[in-house]
Amino acid sequence: MDIAVVLYEGFDELDAVGPFEVFRNAEAAGADFHTRLVALDGPGSVTASHGMRVESEGALPDPGEVDLLVVPGGGWNDRNSVGAWAEYERGAIPAAVAAHHDAGATVASVCTGGMLLAKAGVFDGRPAVTHASALDDLRETDADVREERVVDDGDVLSAGGVTSGIDLALHLVEREAGAEVAESVATTMEYTRQHAAYEPGAIAGGD
């Protein structure tokens, strides 16, 4: 599975680094994952919301070249010139999300990265969550808002605030590589997993 975590100026550090570490640990535990930190502008330093500088490994690949696209949040409520709000207004990341999803990629958001997926249209009519502070904003979109920690609707997933991204990533590891690998990663990270993801398809299927 080819995984791209998208960085942008003002992203929240843990939103991106938490899932990235989970996926890289899964690789070490035997999962067939390849995980990269990417940015629309290509390789280079990206400054996160709390001042950490993170190196993008390269540009976001073309649609069809990524199996999973992960979009972090950060800075939504600040309404600044950097962060999720700025990227929502700019529109380039939502457009990229839509293109990758149309090409068959699974897309996932952490925290207020969900607002970027909402603008991309991938939440339309589908269950989704974002950080508690942005739920009212998400309700103004066409998303079916759920107050869950992690929502898995197949090819569209979302997590609530910040640390929820670790649970989302562990859920994806379990879904794609099995429970044994996911538990190995959680043990390595000394992380206690939270309750199971909300999966409407599984509930509807009755098993």
C-alpha atoms as a PDB file:
ATOM      1  CA  MET A   1       0.000   0.000   0.000  1.00  0.00           C
ATOM      2  CA  ASP A   2       1.433   3.346  -1.080  1.00  0.00           C
ATOM      3  CA  ILE A   3       0.578   5.960   1.569  1.00  0.00           C
ATOM      4  CA  ALA A   4       1.046   9.729   1.270  1.00  0.00           C
ATOM      5  CA  VAL A   5       0.651  12.074   4.238  1.00  0.00           C
ATOM      6  CA  VAL A   6       0.114  15.593   2.912  1.00  0.00           C
ATOM      7  CA  LEU A   7       1.944  18.455   4.618  1.00  0.00           C
ATOM      8  CA  TYR A   8       1.144  22.151   4.293  1.00  0.00           C
ATOM      9  CA  GLU A   9       2.180  25.300   6.126  1.00  0.00           C
ATOM     10  CA  GLY A  10       0.492  25.391   9.536  1.00  0.00           C
ATOM     11  CA  PHE A  11      -0.491  21.709   9.765  1.00  0.00           C
ATOM     12  CA  ASP A  12      -0.691  20.257  13.272  1.00  0.00           C
ATOM     13  CA  GLU A  13       2.417  18.222  14.054  1.00  0.00           C
ATOM     14  CA  LEU A  14       0.772  15.235  15.727  1.00  0.00           C
ATOM     15  CA  ASP A  15      -1.990  15.035  13.112  1.00  0.00           C
ATOM     16  CA  ALA A  16       0.649  14.068  10.548  1.00  0.00           C
ATOM     17  CA  VAL A  17       3.497  12.566  12.567  1.00  0.00           C
ATOM     18  CA  GLY A  18       1.256  10.289  14.663  1.00  0.00           C
ATOM     19  CA  PRO A  19      -0.177   8.361  11.686  1.00  0.00           C
ATOM     20  CA  PHE A  20       3.184   8.483   9.893  1.00  0.00           C
ATOM     21  CA  GLU A  21       4.896   6.763  12.834  1.00  0.00           C
ATOM     22  CA  VAL A  22       2.140   4.154  13.055  1.00  0.00           C
ATOM     23  CA  PHE A  23       2.472   3.300   9.362  1.00  0.00           C
ATOM     24  CA  ARG A  24       6.278   3.193   9.480  1.00  0.00           C
ATOM     25  CA  ASN A  25       6.169   0.911  12.518  1.00  0.00           C
ATOM     26  CA  ALA A  26       3.713  -1.280  10.634  1.00  0.00           C
ATOM     27  CA  GLU A  27       6.230  -1.514   7.792  1.00  0.00           C
ATOM     28  CA  ALA A  28       8.860  -2.656  10.304  1.00  0.00           C
ATOM     29  CA  ALA A  29       6.385  -5.243  11.610  1.00  0.00           C
ATOM     30  CA  GLY A  30       5.922  -6.729   8.153  1.00  0.00           C
ATOM     31  CA  ALA A  31       3.095  -4.738   6.567  1.00  0.00           C
ATOM     32  CA  ASP A  32       3.441  -4.095   2.846  1.00  0.00           C
ATOM     33  CA  PHE A  33       3.286  -0.318   3.275  1.00  0.00           C
ATOM     34  CA  HIS A  34       5.344   2.478   1.767  1.00  0.00           C
ATOM     35  CA  THR A  35       4.723   5.758   3.591  1.00  0.00           C
ATOM     36  CA  ARG A  36       5.882   9.217   2.547  1.00  0.00           C
ATOM     37  CA  LEU A  37       5.497  12.783   3.739  1.00  0.00           C
ATOM     38  CA  VAL A  38       4.640  14.905   0.708  1.00  0.00           C
ATOM     39  CA  ALA A  39       3.612  18.462  -0.133  1.00  0.00           C
ATOM     40  CA  LEU A  40       1.940  20.031  -3.146  1.00  0.00           C
ATOM     41  CA  ASP A  41       5.020  22.191  -3.699  1.00  0.00           C
ATOM     42  CA  GLY A  42       7.433  19.250  -3.663  1.00  0.00           C
ATOM     43  CA  PRO A  43      10.410  18.566  -1.381  1.00  0.00           C
ATOM     44  CA  GLY A  44      11.443  21.089   1.229  1.00  0.00           C
ATOM     45  CA  SER A  45      10.872  22.326   4.749  1.00  0.00           C
ATOM     46  CA  VAL A  46       7.292  22.836   5.941  1.00  0.00           C
ATOM     47  CA  THR A  47       6.576  24.694   9.194  1.00  0.00           C
ATOM     48  CA  ALA A  48       3.877  23.173  11.371  1.00  0.00           C
ATOM     49  CA  SER A  49       1.459  24.995  13.668  1.00  0.00           C
ATOM     50  CA  HIS A  50       3.675  24.814  16.764  1.00  0.00           C
ATOM     51  CA  GLY A  51       6.888  25.688  14.953  1.00  0.00           C
ATOM     52  CA  MET A  52       8.278  22.252  14.116  1.00  0.00           C
ATOM     53  CA  ARG A  53       9.894  22.105  10.703  1.00  0.00           C
ATOM     54  CA  VAL A  54       9.308  18.903   8.795  1.00  0.00           C
ATOM     55  CA  GLU A  55      10.921  17.900   5.514  1.00  0.00           C
ATOM     56  CA  SER A  56       8.625  16.878   2.715  1.00  0.00           C
ATOM     57  CA  GLU A  57      10.124  13.970   0.787  1.00  0.00           C
ATOM     58  CA  GLY A  58       8.673  15.143  -2.497  1.00  0.00           C
ATOM     59  CA  ALA A  59       5.616  16.304  -4.366  1.00  0.00           C
ATOM     60  CA  LEU A  60       2.246  14.634  -4.029  1.00  0.00           C
ATOM     61  CA  PRO A  61       2.212  11.900  -6.691  1.00  0.00           C
ATOM     62  CA  ASP A  62      -0.264  12.005  -9.538  1.00  0.00           C
ATOM     63  CA  PRO A  63      -3.765  10.562  -9.046  1.00  0.00           C
ATOM     64  CA  GLY A  64      -3.673   6.800  -9.436  1.00  0.00           C
ATOM     65  CA  GLU A  65      -0.210   6.506  -7.884  1.00  0.00           C
ATOM     66  CA  VAL A  66      -1.330   6.563  -4.236  1.00  0.00           C
ATOM     67  CA  ASP A  67      -3.472   4.001  -2.428  1.00  0.00           C
ATOM     68  CA  LEU A  68      -4.091   6.059   0.713  1.00  0.00           C
ATOM     69  CA  LEU A  69      -3.993   9.837   1.120  1.00  0.00           C
ATOM     70  CA  VAL A  70      -3.934  11.221   4.680  1.00  0.00           C
ATOM     71  CA  VAL A  71      -4.733  14.897   5.302  1.00  0.00           C
ATOM     72  CA  PRO A  72      -3.929  16.455   8.706  1.00  0.00           C
ATOM     73  CA  GLY A  73      -5.603  19.494  10.200  1.00  0.00           C
ATOM     74  CA  GLY A  74      -4.274  22.451  12.135  1.00  0.00           C
ATOM     75  CA  GLY A  75      -5.130  26.090  12.640  1.00  0.00           C
ATOM     76  CA  TRP A  76      -8.736  25.889  11.470  1.00  0.00           C
ATOM     77  CA  ASN A  77     -10.172  28.115  14.181  1.00  0.00           C
ATOM     78  CA  ASP A  78      -7.361  30.679  13.973  1.00  0.00           C
ATOM     79  CA  ARG A  79      -8.466  31.748  10.478  1.00  0.00           C
ATOM     80  CA  ASN A  80      -4.849  32.637   9.687  1.00  0.00           C
ATOM     81  CA  SER A  81      -2.965  32.826   6.404  1.00  0.00           C
ATOM     82  CA  VAL A  82      -1.561  29.330   7.046  1.00  0.00           C
ATOM     83  CA  GLY A  83      -3.242  26.168   8.278  1.00  0.00           C
ATOM     84  CA  ALA A  84      -6.356  24.197   7.386  1.00  0.00           C
ATOM     85  CA  TRP A  85      -8.552  27.290   7.054  1.00  0.00           C
ATOM     86  CA  ALA A  86      -6.132  28.870   4.587  1.00  0.00           C
ATOM     87  CA  GLU A  87      -5.931  25.638   2.583  1.00  0.00           C
ATOM     88  CA  TYR A  88      -9.730  25.391   2.579  1.00  0.00           C
ATOM     89  CA  GLU A  89      -9.925  28.881   1.098  1.00  0.00           C
ATOM     90  CA  ARG A  90      -7.070  28.234  -1.322  1.00  0.00           C
ATOM     91  CA  GLY A  91      -8.643  25.029  -2.602  1.00  0.00           C
ATOM     92  CA  ALA A  92      -5.583  23.260  -4.007  1.00  0.00           C
ATOM     93  CA  ILE A  93      -5.476  20.449  -1.439  1.00  0.00           C
ATOM     94  CA  PRO A  94      -9.242  19.772  -1.646  1.00  0.00           C
ATOM     95  CA  ALA A  95      -8.903  19.592  -5.432  1.00  0.00           C
ATOM     96  CA  ALA A  96      -6.039  17.109  -5.085  1.00  0.00           C
ATOM     97  CA  VAL A  97      -8.053  15.027  -2.614  1.00  0.00           C
ATOM     98  CA  ALA A  98     -10.989  14.882  -5.032  1.00  0.00           C
ATOM     99  CA  ALA A  99      -8.733  13.880  -7.925  1.00  0.00           C
ATOM    100  CA  HIS A 100      -7.061  11.097  -5.954  1.00  0.00           C
ATOM    101  CA  HIS A 101     -10.376   9.801  -4.659  1.00  0.00           C
ATOM    102  CA  ASP A 102     -11.832   9.831  -8.172  1.00  0.00           C
ATOM    103  CA  ALA A 103      -8.792   7.803  -9.279  1.00  0.00           C
ATOM    104  CA  GLY A 104      -9.536   5.118  -6.692  1.00  0.00           C
ATOM    105  CA  ALA A 105      -7.503   6.145  -3.658  1.00  0.00           C
ATOM    106  CA  THR A 106      -8.771   5.823  -0.118  1.00  0.00           C
ATOM    107  CA  VAL A 107      -8.719   9.232   1.568  1.00  0.00           C
ATOM    108  CA  ALA A 108      -8.497   9.915   5.289  1.00  0.00           C
ATOM    109  CA  SER A 109      -8.493  13.023   7.451  1.00  0.00           C
ATOM    110  CA  VAL A 110      -7.253  13.787  10.921  1.00  0.00           C
ATOM    111  CA  CYS A 111      -8.740  16.581  13.028  1.00  0.00           C
ATOM    112  CA  THR A 112      -9.727  19.635  10.969  1.00  0.00           C
ATOM    113  CA  GLY A 113      -8.192  18.058   7.905  1.00  0.00           C
ATOM    114  CA  GLY A 114     -11.760  16.810   7.650  1.00  0.00           C
ATOM    115  CA  MET A 115     -12.833  20.256   6.528  1.00  0.00           C
ATOM    116  CA  LEU A 116     -10.538  19.906   3.519  1.00  0.00           C
ATOM    117  CA  LEU A 117     -12.147  16.566   2.658  1.00  0.00           C
ATOM    118  CA  ALA A 118     -15.552  18.196   3.062  1.00  0.00           C
ATOM    119  CA  LYS A 119     -14.597  20.892   0.555  1.00  0.00           C
ATOM    120  CA  ALA A 120     -13.337  18.164  -1.774  1.00  0.00           C
ATOM    121  CA  GLY A 121     -16.859  16.739  -1.756  1.00  0.00           C
ATOM    122  CA  VAL A 122     -15.824  13.285  -0.555  1.00  0.00           C
ATOM    123  CA  PHE A 123     -17.858  13.638   2.666  1.00  0.00           C
ATOM    124  CA  ASP A 124     -21.088  14.429   0.789  1.00  0.00           C
ATOM    125  CA  GLY A 125     -23.827  12.198   2.189  1.00  0.00           C
ATOM    126  CA  ARG A 126     -21.304  10.113   4.094  1.00  0.00           C
ATOM    127  CA  PRO A 127     -20.547   9.748   7.820  1.00  0.00           C
ATOM    128  CA  ALA A 128     -17.600  11.838   8.959  1.00  0.00           C
ATOM    129  CA  VAL A 129     -16.064  13.541  11.968  1.00  0.00           C
ATOM    130  CA  THR A 130     -13.616  16.341  12.687  1.00  0.00           C
ATOM    131  CA  HIS A 131     -12.235  18.085  15.775  1.00  0.00           C
ATOM    132  CA  ALA A 132     -14.992  18.923  18.268  1.00  0.00           C
ATOM    133  CA  SER A 133     -14.339  22.643  17.820  1.00  0.00           C
ATOM    134  CA  ALA A 134     -15.137  22.402  14.101  1.00  0.00           C
ATOM    135  CA  LEU A 135     -18.173  20.099  14.224  1.00  0.00           C
ATOM    136  CA  ASP A 136     -20.577  22.999  13.711  1.00  0.00           C
ATOM    137  CA  ASP A 137     -18.636  24.011  10.600  1.00  0.00           C
ATOM    138  CA  LEU A 138     -18.767  20.432   9.335  1.00  0.00           C
ATOM    139  CA  ARG A 139     -22.532  20.387   9.914  1.00  0.00           C
ATOM    140  CA  GLU A 140     -22.822  23.249   7.426  1.00  0.00           C
ATOM    141  CA  THR A 141     -21.498  20.925   4.705  1.00  0.00           C
ATOM    142  CA  ASP A 142     -23.191  17.887   3.165  1.00  0.00           C
ATOM    143  CA  ALA A 143     -21.426  15.466   5.522  1.00  0.00           C
ATOM    144  CA  ASP A 144     -23.393  13.122   7.786  1.00  0.00           C
ATOM    145  CA  VAL A 145     -21.672  14.296  10.965  1.00  0.00           C
ATOM    146  CA  ARG A 146     -20.919  11.691  13.623  1.00  0.00           C
ATOM    147  CA  GLU A 147     -19.447  12.411  17.028  1.00  0.00           C
ATOM    148  CA  GLU A 148     -17.119   9.418  16.977  1.00  0.00           C
ATOM    149  CA  ARG A 149     -13.382   9.121  17.472  1.00  0.00           C
ATOM    150  CA  VAL A 150     -12.811   7.365  14.143  1.00  0.00           C
ATOM    151  CA  VAL A 151     -15.237   6.866  11.257  1.00  0.00           C
ATOM    152  CA  ASP A 152     -14.524   4.249   8.578  1.00  0.00           C
ATOM    153  CA  ASP A 153     -16.791   4.428   5.538  1.00  0.00           C
ATOM    154  CA  GLY A 154     -14.654   2.253   3.317  1.00  0.00           C
ATOM    155  CA  ASP A 155     -12.740   4.514   0.974  1.00  0.00           C
ATOM    156  CA  VAL A 156     -13.352   7.609   3.120  1.00  0.00           C
ATOM    157  CA  LEU A 157     -12.164   7.729   6.732  1.00  0.00           C
ATOM    158  CA  SER A 158     -11.967  10.504   9.295  1.00  0.00           C
ATOM    159  CA  ALA A 159     -10.711  11.008  12.826  1.00  0.00           C
ATOM    160  CA  GLY A 160     -11.574  13.547  15.492  1.00  0.00           C
ATOM    161  CA  GLY A 161      -9.020  15.724  17.224  1.00  0.00           C
ATOM    162  CA  VAL A 162      -5.246  15.245  17.105  1.00  0.00           C
ATOM    163  CA  THR A 163      -4.517  11.953  18.937  1.00  0.00           C
ATOM    164  CA  SER A 164      -7.493  10.362  17.182  1.00  0.00           C
ATOM    165  CA  GLY A 165      -5.209  10.159  14.166  1.00  0.00           C
ATOM    166  CA  ILE A 166      -3.167   7.473  15.899  1.00  0.00           C
ATOM    167  CA  ASP A 167      -6.319   5.421  16.400  1.00  0.00           C
ATOM    168  CA  LEU A 168      -7.299   5.964  12.772  1.00  0.00           C
ATOM    169  CA  ALA A 169      -3.883   4.775  11.605  1.00  0.00           C
ATOM    170  CA  LEU A 170      -3.931   1.720  13.877  1.00  0.00           C
ATOM    171  CA  HIS A 171      -7.426   0.915  12.616  1.00  0.00           C
ATOM    172  CA  LEU A 172      -6.171   1.104   9.035  1.00  0.00           C
ATOM    173  CA  VAL A 173      -3.188  -1.098   9.879  1.00  0.00           C
ATOM    174  CA  GLU A 174      -5.547  -3.683  11.335  1.00  0.00           C
ATOM    175  CA  ARG A 175      -7.875  -3.401   8.337  1.00  0.00           C
ATOM    176  CA  GLU A 176      -5.125  -3.744   5.745  1.00  0.00           C
ATOM    177  CA  ALA A 177      -2.447  -5.835   7.489  1.00  0.00           C
ATOM    178  CA  GLY A 178      -4.268  -7.654  10.274  1.00  0.00           C
ATOM    179  CA  ALA A 179      -4.844  -7.415  14.014  1.00  0.00           C
ATOM    180  CA  GLU A 180      -1.503  -8.974  14.919  1.00  0.00           C
ATOM    181  CA  VAL A 181       0.447  -6.244  13.138  1.00  0.00           C
ATOM    182  CA  ALA A 182      -1.747  -3.506  14.622  1.00  0.00           C
ATOM    183  CA  GLU A 183      -1.285  -4.847  18.142  1.00  0.00           C
ATOM    184  CA  SER A 184       2.461  -5.123  17.579  1.00  0.00           C
ATOM    185  CA  VAL A 185       2.597  -1.461  16.544  1.00  0.00           C
ATOM    186  CA  ALA A 186       0.489  -0.353  19.521  1.00  0.00           C
ATOM    187  CA  THR A 187       2.797  -2.302  21.846  1.00  0.00           C
ATOM    188  CA  THR A 188       5.915  -0.793  20.271  1.00  0.00           C
ATOM    189  CA  MET A 189       4.484   2.705  20.699  1.00  0.00           C
ATOM    190  CA  GLU A 190       3.151   1.891  24.198  1.00  0.00           C
ATOM    191  CA  TYR A 191      -0.193   3.233  23.056  1.00  0.00           C
ATOM    192  CA  THR A 192      -3.523   2.100  24.492  1.00  0.00           C
ATOM    193  CA  ARG A 193      -6.018   1.917  21.664  1.00  0.00           C
ATOM    194  CA  GLN A 194      -9.383   3.588  22.111  1.00  0.00           C
ATOM    195  CA  HIS A 195     -12.769   2.118  21.200  1.00  0.00           C
ATOM    196  CA  ALA A 196     -13.391   0.605  17.784  1.00  0.00           C
ATOM    197  CA  ALA A 197     -14.044   2.749  14.735  1.00  0.00           C
ATOM    198  CA  TYR A 198     -17.595   3.523  13.661  1.00  0.00           C
ATOM    199  CA  GLU A 199     -18.168   1.473  10.505  1.00  0.00           C
ATOM    200  CA  PRO A 200     -21.657   1.992   9.054  1.00  0.00           C
ATOM    201  CA  GLY A 201     -21.148  -0.683   6.411  1.00  0.00           C
ATOM    202  CA  ALA A 202     -20.268  -3.296   9.020  1.00  0.00           C
ATOM    203  CA  ILE A 203     -23.276  -2.295  11.128  1.00  0.00           C
ATOM    204  CA  ALA A 204     -25.600  -2.431   8.124  1.00  0.00           C
ATOM    205  CA  GLY A 205     -24.215  -5.825   7.167  1.00  0.00           C
ATOM    206  CA  GLY A 206     -24.986  -7.235  10.577  1.00  0.00           C
ATOM    207  CA  ASP A 207     -21.631  -8.953  11.061  1.00  0.00           C
END
